[in-house]
Amino acid sequence: MNKQELIEKIKANGEWFETNRYVKITKAVELISQLDEPQKVKVPAFVAPFIEKLKITNRRYGVELEKAYNNEEDEELVIWLWFNENVLTLFRALEKGYEVEEEPKWKIINDQKYCLTSIEAGYGNSLHWAFDSTKKKPILFDNEETALYTAYITGGTVEKV
């Protein structure tokens, strides 16, 4: 039974009478609401498929970890698993659930704090770009290096979103 189910059962029972004492439902619900629920663990996006794989392995985690360490195809996961604190994070994610970390994004702004909203190729080797007020949707870059290069070309600066 989770916290919400317990609250609903208490509300459904009204007041309890036990050993000459009444228990106020509102007070019981207030106390239960203060219970800490386990916080989901944040993991990088490339770890999520491995966690899902572990969920269906019938707790043969050691075998799957060994396979992951020897997997040359997923180097990013191997490097991540190399650190003990990440392995502990992995097990906490299996126990408490997990959320995928949002990948960082970058935008380019100019001196007036306007965002880069468009960039396109012109005739020959020319580029055309526009900075517009922050009310328009800026171009978001997944890769910081690409954002830095584009900022250099357009005369803007990179800002993490």
N, C-alpha and C. Protein backbone atom coordinates (compact mmCIF):
# COMPACT_ATOMS: atom_id res chain seq x y z
N MET A 1 0.86 -1.17 0.00
CA MET A 1 0.00 0.00 0.00
C MET A 1 0.91 1.24 0.00
N ASN A 2 0.61 2.18 -0.89
CA ASN A 2 1.41 3.40 -0.92
C ASN A 2 0.75 4.47 -0.05
N LYS A 3 1.41 5.60 0.03
CA LYS A 3 0.96 6.69 0.90
C LYS A 3 -0.44 7.16 0.53
N GLN A 4 -0.70 7.33 -0.77
CA GLN A 4 -2.00 7.84 -1.20
C GLN A 4 -3.12 6.85 -0.88
N GLU A 5 -2.88 5.56 -1.05
CA GLU A 5 -3.89 4.55 -0.72
C GLU A 5 -4.21 4.57 0.77
N LEU A 6 -3.19 4.74 1.60
CA LEU A 6 -3.39 4.80 3.05
C LEU A 6 -4.24 6.01 3.42
N ILE A 7 -3.96 7.15 2.83
CA ILE A 7 -4.74 8.36 3.10
C ILE A 7 -6.20 8.14 2.73
N GLU A 8 -6.46 7.52 1.58
CA GLU A 8 -7.83 7.28 1.14
C GLU A 8 -8.56 6.32 2.08
N LYS A 9 -7.88 5.28 2.57
CA LYS A 9 -8.51 4.34 3.50
C LYS A 9 -8.85 5.01 4.83
N ILE A 10 -7.96 5.88 5.29
CA ILE A 10 -8.23 6.59 6.55
C ILE A 10 -9.42 7.52 6.38
N LYS A 11 -9.48 8.24 5.27
CA LYS A 11 -10.61 9.15 5.02
C LYS A 11 -11.92 8.37 4.95
N ALA A 12 -11.88 7.18 4.38
CA ALA A 12 -13.09 6.37 4.22
C ALA A 12 -13.63 5.87 5.56
N ASN A 13 -12.77 5.74 6.56
CA ASN A 13 -13.19 5.21 7.86
C ASN A 13 -13.72 6.26 8.82
N GLY A 14 -13.68 7.52 8.46
CA GLY A 14 -14.17 8.55 9.37
C GLY A 14 -13.30 8.62 10.61
N GLU A 15 -13.95 8.67 11.79
CA GLU A 15 -13.19 8.69 13.04
C GLU A 15 -13.11 7.27 13.58
N TRP A 16 -11.99 6.96 14.17
CA TRP A 16 -11.80 5.65 14.80
C TRP A 16 -11.97 5.80 16.31
N PHE A 17 -12.56 4.79 16.89
CA PHE A 17 -12.67 4.78 18.34
C PHE A 17 -11.87 3.59 18.83
N GLU A 18 -10.83 3.87 19.61
CA GLU A 18 -9.99 2.79 20.07
C GLU A 18 -9.51 3.11 21.48
N THR A 19 -9.69 2.20 22.38
CA THR A 19 -9.30 2.36 23.79
C THR A 19 -9.66 3.75 24.33
N ASN A 20 -10.94 4.08 24.21
CA ASN A 20 -11.48 5.33 24.75
C ASN A 20 -10.85 6.59 24.16
N ARG A 21 -10.30 6.52 22.95
CA ARG A 21 -9.73 7.71 22.31
C ARG A 21 -10.25 7.81 20.88
N TYR A 22 -10.54 9.02 20.49
CA TYR A 22 -10.92 9.28 19.11
C TYR A 22 -9.68 9.74 18.36
N VAL A 23 -9.52 9.25 17.15
CA VAL A 23 -8.43 9.69 16.29
C VAL A 23 -9.04 10.59 15.22
N LYS A 24 -8.58 11.81 15.16
CA LYS A 24 -9.11 12.73 14.15
C LYS A 24 -8.48 12.39 12.81
N ILE A 25 -9.32 12.18 11.82
CA ILE A 25 -8.86 11.80 10.50
C ILE A 25 -7.99 12.89 9.89
N THR A 26 -8.38 14.13 10.07
CA THR A 26 -7.59 15.21 9.47
C THR A 26 -6.17 15.22 10.02
N LYS A 27 -6.02 14.94 11.30
CA LYS A 27 -4.68 14.92 11.90
C LYS A 27 -3.88 13.72 11.37
N ALA A 28 -4.53 12.57 11.24
CA ALA A 28 -3.84 11.38 10.72
C ALA A 28 -3.39 11.61 9.28
N VAL A 29 -4.25 12.20 8.46
CA VAL A 29 -3.90 12.49 7.07
C VAL A 29 -2.75 13.49 7.01
N GLU A 30 -2.79 14.49 7.88
CA GLU A 30 -1.71 15.48 7.92
C GLU A 30 -0.37 14.83 8.24
N LEU A 31 -0.36 13.93 9.21
CA LEU A 31 0.88 13.25 9.59
C LEU A 31 1.39 12.33 8.48
N ILE A 32 0.49 11.61 7.84
CA ILE A 32 0.89 10.72 6.75
C ILE A 32 1.44 11.52 5.58
N SER A 33 0.84 12.67 5.32
CA SER A 33 1.30 13.51 4.22
C SER A 33 2.73 13.98 4.42
N GLN A 34 3.18 14.01 5.65
CA GLN A 34 4.54 14.45 5.94
C GLN A 34 5.58 13.34 5.72
N LEU A 35 5.11 12.12 5.51
CA LEU A 35 6.05 11.02 5.25
C LEU A 35 6.86 11.32 4.00
N ASP A 36 8.10 10.95 4.04
CA ASP A 36 8.96 11.12 2.86
C ASP A 36 8.72 9.98 1.89
N GLU A 37 8.44 10.34 0.66
CA GLU A 37 8.37 9.32 -0.38
C GLU A 37 9.75 9.19 -0.98
N PRO A 38 10.12 7.99 -1.40
CA PRO A 38 11.44 7.84 -2.00
C PRO A 38 11.58 8.71 -3.24
N GLN A 39 12.68 9.42 -3.32
CA GLN A 39 12.94 10.28 -4.46
C GLN A 39 13.50 9.45 -5.61
N LYS A 40 12.97 9.68 -6.78
CA LYS A 40 13.49 8.99 -7.96
C LYS A 40 14.90 9.48 -8.24
N VAL A 41 15.70 8.58 -8.75
CA VAL A 41 17.10 8.87 -9.06
C VAL A 41 17.18 9.42 -10.47
N LYS A 42 18.04 10.40 -10.68
CA LYS A 42 18.25 10.94 -12.03
C LYS A 42 19.44 10.23 -12.65
N VAL A 43 19.24 9.75 -13.88
CA VAL A 43 20.31 9.06 -14.60
C VAL A 43 20.42 9.64 -16.01
N PRO A 44 21.61 9.55 -16.61
CA PRO A 44 21.75 10.00 -18.00
C PRO A 44 20.88 9.15 -18.93
N ALA A 45 20.50 9.72 -20.05
CA ALA A 45 19.61 9.04 -21.00
C ALA A 45 20.18 7.70 -21.47
N PHE A 46 21.50 7.60 -21.63
CA PHE A 46 22.08 6.36 -22.14
C PHE A 46 22.05 5.22 -21.12
N VAL A 47 21.74 5.52 -19.85
CA VAL A 47 21.67 4.49 -18.81
C VAL A 47 20.28 3.86 -18.74
N ALA A 48 19.26 4.59 -19.14
CA ALA A 48 17.87 4.13 -19.02
C ALA A 48 17.62 2.78 -19.69
N PRO A 49 18.09 2.53 -20.92
CA PRO A 49 17.85 1.21 -21.52
C PRO A 49 18.49 0.07 -20.72
N PHE A 50 19.64 0.33 -20.11
CA PHE A 50 20.30 -0.69 -19.31
C PHE A 50 19.49 -0.99 -18.05
N ILE A 51 18.92 0.04 -17.43
CA ILE A 51 18.08 -0.17 -16.25
C ILE A 51 16.86 -1.01 -16.63
N GLU A 52 16.24 -0.69 -17.75
CA GLU A 52 15.08 -1.46 -18.20
C GLU A 52 15.46 -2.91 -18.47
N LYS A 53 16.64 -3.13 -19.01
CA LYS A 53 17.14 -4.49 -19.25
C LYS A 53 17.32 -5.23 -17.92
N LEU A 54 17.87 -4.53 -16.93
CA LEU A 54 18.07 -5.15 -15.61
C LEU A 54 16.75 -5.53 -14.96
N LYS A 55 15.71 -4.74 -15.19
CA LYS A 55 14.41 -5.02 -14.58
C LYS A 55 13.85 -6.37 -15.01
N ILE A 56 14.20 -6.81 -16.21
CA ILE A 56 13.62 -8.06 -16.72
C ILE A 56 14.58 -9.25 -16.60
N THR A 57 15.69 -9.09 -15.89
CA THR A 57 16.68 -10.17 -15.81
C THR A 57 16.53 -11.03 -14.57
N ASN A 58 15.44 -10.90 -13.85
CA ASN A 58 15.20 -11.69 -12.65
C ASN A 58 16.32 -11.57 -11.64
N ARG A 59 16.78 -10.35 -11.45
CA ARG A 59 17.78 -10.02 -10.43
C ARG A 59 19.13 -10.70 -10.65
N ARG A 60 19.46 -10.96 -11.89
CA ARG A 60 20.80 -11.47 -12.20
C ARG A 60 21.68 -10.27 -12.54
N TYR A 61 21.72 -9.32 -11.61
CA TYR A 61 22.40 -8.06 -11.86
C TYR A 61 23.89 -8.23 -12.08
N GLY A 62 24.52 -9.11 -11.32
CA GLY A 62 25.96 -9.32 -11.45
C GLY A 62 26.34 -9.77 -12.84
N VAL A 63 25.56 -10.70 -13.39
CA VAL A 63 25.83 -11.21 -14.74
C VAL A 63 25.68 -10.09 -15.76
N GLU A 64 24.61 -9.31 -15.63
CA GLU A 64 24.37 -8.23 -16.59
C GLU A 64 25.42 -7.12 -16.47
N LEU A 65 25.86 -6.84 -15.24
CA LEU A 65 26.92 -5.85 -15.07
C LEU A 65 28.22 -6.32 -15.72
N GLU A 66 28.52 -7.60 -15.54
CA GLU A 66 29.73 -8.16 -16.16
C GLU A 66 29.65 -8.04 -17.69
N LYS A 67 28.48 -8.35 -18.24
CA LYS A 67 28.31 -8.21 -19.70
C LYS A 67 28.49 -6.76 -20.13
N ALA A 68 27.94 -5.84 -19.33
CA ALA A 68 28.04 -4.42 -19.67
C ALA A 68 29.48 -3.94 -19.63
N TYR A 69 30.25 -4.40 -18.64
CA TYR A 69 31.66 -4.00 -18.54
C TYR A 69 32.46 -4.47 -19.76
N ASN A 70 32.07 -5.61 -20.31
CA ASN A 70 32.79 -6.18 -21.45
C ASN A 70 32.22 -5.77 -22.80
N ASN A 71 31.20 -4.92 -22.79
CA ASN A 71 30.54 -4.51 -24.03
C ASN A 71 31.31 -3.34 -24.64
N GLU A 72 31.97 -3.60 -25.72
CA GLU A 72 32.75 -2.55 -26.37
C GLU A 72 31.88 -1.64 -27.24
N GLU A 73 30.66 -2.05 -27.51
CA GLU A 73 29.78 -1.26 -28.37
C GLU A 73 29.20 -0.05 -27.64
N ASP A 74 29.01 -0.15 -26.32
CA ASP A 74 28.42 0.95 -25.56
C ASP A 74 29.47 1.52 -24.61
N GLU A 75 30.45 2.19 -25.17
CA GLU A 75 31.58 2.70 -24.39
C GLU A 75 31.14 3.73 -23.35
N GLU A 76 30.15 4.53 -23.68
CA GLU A 76 29.67 5.55 -22.75
C GLU A 76 29.13 4.91 -21.47
N LEU A 77 28.36 3.83 -21.61
CA LEU A 77 27.83 3.11 -20.45
C LEU A 77 28.96 2.47 -19.66
N VAL A 78 29.92 1.87 -20.33
CA VAL A 78 31.06 1.22 -19.65
C VAL A 78 31.81 2.24 -18.79
N ILE A 79 32.07 3.41 -19.35
CA ILE A 79 32.78 4.45 -18.61
C ILE A 79 31.95 4.90 -17.41
N TRP A 80 30.65 5.06 -17.60
CA TRP A 80 29.77 5.49 -16.52
C TRP A 80 29.75 4.46 -15.39
N LEU A 81 29.69 3.16 -15.75
CA LEU A 81 29.64 2.10 -14.75
C LEU A 81 30.96 1.90 -14.03
N TRP A 82 32.02 2.43 -14.57
CA TRP A 82 33.34 2.23 -13.99
C TRP A 82 33.44 2.83 -12.58
N PHE A 83 32.65 3.87 -12.32
CA PHE A 83 32.71 4.55 -11.03
C PHE A 83 31.70 3.93 -10.06
N ASN A 84 32.17 3.60 -8.86
CA ASN A 84 31.33 2.92 -7.87
C ASN A 84 30.07 3.69 -7.54
N GLU A 85 30.17 5.03 -7.43
CA GLU A 85 28.97 5.80 -7.07
C GLU A 85 27.90 5.68 -8.16
N ASN A 86 28.31 5.48 -9.40
CA ASN A 86 27.32 5.30 -10.47
C ASN A 86 26.65 3.93 -10.39
N VAL A 87 27.39 2.92 -9.97
CA VAL A 87 26.78 1.59 -9.78
C VAL A 87 25.77 1.67 -8.65
N LEU A 88 26.10 2.39 -7.59
CA LEU A 88 25.14 2.58 -6.49
C LEU A 88 23.91 3.34 -6.98
N THR A 89 24.12 4.34 -7.81
CA THR A 89 23.00 5.08 -8.41
C THR A 89 22.11 4.14 -9.22
N LEU A 90 22.74 3.24 -9.94
CA LEU A 90 22.01 2.25 -10.74
C LEU A 90 21.10 1.40 -9.86
N PHE A 91 21.63 0.91 -8.74
CA PHE A 91 20.83 0.08 -7.84
C PHE A 91 19.73 0.89 -7.15
N ARG A 92 20.02 2.15 -6.81
CA ARG A 92 18.97 3.00 -6.24
C ARG A 92 17.86 3.24 -7.27
N ALA A 93 18.23 3.37 -8.53
CA ALA A 93 17.24 3.56 -9.59
C ALA A 93 16.34 2.34 -9.72
N LEU A 94 16.92 1.16 -9.56
CA LEU A 94 16.13 -0.07 -9.61
C LEU A 94 15.18 -0.16 -8.42
N GLU A 95 15.63 0.33 -7.27
CA GLU A 95 14.84 0.25 -6.05
C GLU A 95 13.76 1.32 -5.97
N LYS A 96 14.12 2.57 -6.29
CA LYS A 96 13.22 3.70 -6.06
C LYS A 96 12.61 4.27 -7.33
N GLY A 97 13.03 3.78 -8.48
CA GLY A 97 12.59 4.37 -9.73
C GLY A 97 13.59 5.42 -10.19
N TYR A 98 13.43 5.87 -11.43
CA TYR A 98 14.39 6.82 -11.96
C TYR A 98 13.73 7.79 -12.92
N GLU A 99 14.41 8.89 -13.13
CA GLU A 99 14.03 9.87 -14.14
C GLU A 99 15.25 10.09 -15.01
N VAL A 100 15.02 10.31 -16.28
CA VAL A 100 16.13 10.57 -17.19
C VAL A 100 16.49 12.05 -17.10
N GLU A 101 17.78 12.31 -16.90
CA GLU A 101 18.25 13.69 -16.86
C GLU A 101 18.01 14.34 -18.22
N GLU A 102 17.59 15.56 -18.17
CA GLU A 102 17.45 16.29 -19.43
C GLU A 102 18.83 16.63 -19.95
N GLU A 103 19.01 16.41 -21.23
CA GLU A 103 20.28 16.76 -21.84
C GLU A 103 20.41 18.28 -21.88
N PRO A 104 21.58 18.80 -21.58
CA PRO A 104 21.74 20.26 -21.60
C PRO A 104 21.56 20.83 -23.01
N LYS A 105 21.04 22.02 -23.07
CA LYS A 105 20.85 22.74 -24.34
C LYS A 105 21.53 24.10 -24.21
N TRP A 106 21.90 24.64 -25.36
CA TRP A 106 22.55 25.95 -25.39
C TRP A 106 21.85 26.83 -26.42
N LYS A 107 21.81 28.13 -26.12
CA LYS A 107 21.29 29.10 -27.07
C LYS A 107 22.34 30.19 -27.24
N ILE A 108 22.18 30.98 -28.29
CA ILE A 108 23.12 32.05 -28.58
C ILE A 108 22.40 33.37 -28.41
N ILE A 109 23.03 34.28 -27.67
CA ILE A 109 22.45 35.60 -27.46
C ILE A 109 23.45 36.66 -27.93
N ASN A 110 22.91 37.82 -28.30
CA ASN A 110 23.80 38.92 -28.71
C ASN A 110 23.91 39.94 -27.58
N ASP A 111 24.54 41.08 -27.86
CA ASP A 111 24.76 42.10 -26.83
C ASP A 111 23.47 42.67 -26.26
N GLN A 112 22.40 42.69 -27.06
CA GLN A 112 21.12 43.22 -26.58
C GLN A 112 20.29 42.14 -25.87
N LYS A 113 20.87 40.98 -25.67
CA LYS A 113 20.21 39.83 -25.03
C LYS A 113 19.10 39.24 -25.89
N TYR A 114 19.17 39.46 -27.19
CA TYR A 114 18.25 38.82 -28.12
C TYR A 114 18.82 37.46 -28.49
N CYS A 115 17.93 36.51 -28.76
CA CYS A 115 18.36 35.15 -29.07
C CYS A 115 18.44 34.93 -30.58
N LEU A 116 19.34 34.05 -30.96
CA LEU A 116 19.44 33.63 -32.36
C LEU A 116 18.20 32.80 -32.68
N THR A 117 17.41 33.26 -33.65
CA THR A 117 16.15 32.59 -33.96
C THR A 117 16.15 31.94 -35.34
N SER A 118 17.08 32.35 -36.20
CA SER A 118 17.15 31.70 -37.51
C SER A 118 18.55 31.84 -38.08
N ILE A 119 18.92 30.85 -38.85
CA ILE A 119 20.19 30.87 -39.57
C ILE A 119 19.99 30.01 -40.82
N GLU A 120 20.42 30.55 -41.96
CA GLU A 120 20.24 29.80 -43.21
C GLU A 120 21.37 30.12 -44.17
N ALA A 121 21.57 29.21 -45.09
CA ALA A 121 22.61 29.39 -46.09
C ALA A 121 22.10 30.32 -47.18
N GLY A 122 22.98 31.24 -47.59
CA GLY A 122 22.64 32.15 -48.68
C GLY A 122 23.35 31.71 -49.95
N TYR A 123 23.45 32.62 -50.89
CA TYR A 123 24.13 32.32 -52.15
C TYR A 123 25.62 32.16 -51.89
N GLY A 124 26.23 31.26 -52.63
CA GLY A 124 27.66 31.04 -52.47
C GLY A 124 27.95 30.46 -51.09
N ASN A 125 28.88 31.05 -50.40
CA ASN A 125 29.24 30.59 -49.06
C ASN A 125 28.70 31.49 -47.96
N SER A 126 27.70 32.28 -48.26
CA SER A 126 27.20 33.23 -47.26
C SER A 126 26.18 32.59 -46.33
N LEU A 127 26.09 33.16 -45.14
CA LEU A 127 25.10 32.74 -44.15
C LEU A 127 24.27 33.96 -43.77
N HIS A 128 23.00 33.74 -43.50
CA HIS A 128 22.11 34.79 -43.03
C HIS A 128 21.52 34.34 -41.70
N TRP A 129 21.59 35.21 -40.71
CA TRP A 129 21.04 34.86 -39.41
C TRP A 129 20.29 36.04 -38.84
N ALA A 130 19.44 35.73 -37.85
CA ALA A 130 18.64 36.79 -37.22
C ALA A 130 18.59 36.56 -35.71
N PHE A 131 18.79 37.65 -34.99
CA PHE A 131 18.57 37.66 -33.55
C PHE A 131 17.26 38.38 -33.33
N ASP A 132 16.42 37.82 -32.50
CA ASP A 132 15.12 38.43 -32.25
C ASP A 132 14.86 38.44 -30.75
N SER A 133 13.81 39.14 -30.37
CA SER A 133 13.48 39.25 -28.95
C SER A 133 13.30 37.87 -28.35
N THR A 134 13.45 37.79 -27.06
CA THR A 134 13.35 36.49 -26.38
C THR A 134 11.93 35.93 -26.39
N LYS A 135 10.98 36.69 -26.94
CA LYS A 135 9.61 36.19 -27.04
C LYS A 135 9.50 35.12 -28.13
N LYS A 136 10.38 35.18 -29.12
CA LYS A 136 10.39 34.16 -30.17
C LYS A 136 11.19 32.97 -29.69
N LYS A 137 10.90 31.81 -30.26
CA LYS A 137 11.59 30.59 -29.85
C LYS A 137 13.02 30.60 -30.40
N PRO A 138 14.02 30.51 -29.51
CA PRO A 138 15.41 30.52 -29.99
C PRO A 138 15.81 29.17 -30.56
N ILE A 139 16.86 29.17 -31.35
CA ILE A 139 17.45 27.92 -31.81
C ILE A 139 18.19 27.32 -30.62
N LEU A 140 17.90 26.07 -30.30
CA LEU A 140 18.58 25.38 -29.19
C LEU A 140 19.54 24.35 -29.76
N PHE A 141 20.74 24.34 -29.22
CA PHE A 141 21.79 23.42 -29.68
C PHE A 141 21.97 22.31 -28.66
N ASP A 142 22.08 21.07 -29.15
CA ASP A 142 22.33 19.92 -28.28
C ASP A 142 23.81 19.79 -27.94
N ASN A 143 24.65 20.36 -28.78
CA ASN A 143 26.09 20.20 -28.65
C ASN A 143 26.72 21.57 -28.36
N GLU A 144 27.44 21.66 -27.25
CA GLU A 144 28.04 22.94 -26.87
C GLU A 144 29.07 23.40 -27.89
N GLU A 145 29.82 22.47 -28.44
CA GLU A 145 30.85 22.83 -29.42
C GLU A 145 30.23 23.49 -30.66
N THR A 146 29.14 22.93 -31.13
CA THR A 146 28.44 23.50 -32.28
C THR A 146 27.90 24.89 -31.94
N ALA A 147 27.37 25.03 -30.73
CA ALA A 147 26.86 26.34 -30.29
C ALA A 147 27.99 27.36 -30.23
N LEU A 148 29.15 26.97 -29.71
CA LEU A 148 30.29 27.88 -29.63
C LEU A 148 30.75 28.32 -31.02
N TYR A 149 30.80 27.38 -31.95
CA TYR A 149 31.22 27.68 -33.31
C TYR A 149 30.23 28.65 -33.97
N THR A 150 28.94 28.38 -33.79
CA THR A 150 27.91 29.24 -34.37
C THR A 150 27.94 30.62 -33.73
N ALA A 151 28.18 30.68 -32.43
CA ALA A 151 28.29 31.97 -31.74
C ALA A 151 29.46 32.77 -32.28
N TYR A 152 30.55 32.11 -32.56
CA TYR A 152 31.72 32.77 -33.12
C TYR A 152 31.39 33.40 -34.48
N ILE A 153 30.68 32.64 -35.31
CA ILE A 153 30.32 33.11 -36.65
C ILE A 153 29.34 34.28 -36.58
N THR A 154 28.36 34.19 -35.68
CA THR A 154 27.30 35.20 -35.63
C THR A 154 27.62 36.37 -34.70
N GLY A 155 28.71 36.29 -33.97
CA GLY A 155 29.07 37.37 -33.07
C GLY A 155 28.30 37.37 -31.76
N GLY A 156 27.72 36.24 -31.43
CA GLY A 156 26.96 36.14 -30.17
C GLY A 156 27.76 35.40 -29.11
N THR A 157 27.11 35.14 -28.00
CA THR A 157 27.72 34.35 -26.93
C THR A 157 26.78 33.20 -26.58
N VAL A 158 27.37 32.13 -26.07
CA VAL A 158 26.60 30.92 -25.74
C VAL A 158 26.10 31.01 -24.31
N GLU A 159 24.86 30.60 -24.14
CA GLU A 159 24.25 30.56 -22.80
C GLU A 159 23.57 29.22 -22.63
N LYS A 160 23.83 28.57 -21.50
CA LYS A 160 23.19 27.28 -21.22
C LYS A 160 21.74 27.52 -20.82
N VAL A 161 20.85 26.71 -21.36
CA VAL A 161 19.41 26.87 -21.09
C VAL A 161 19.03 25.99 -19.92
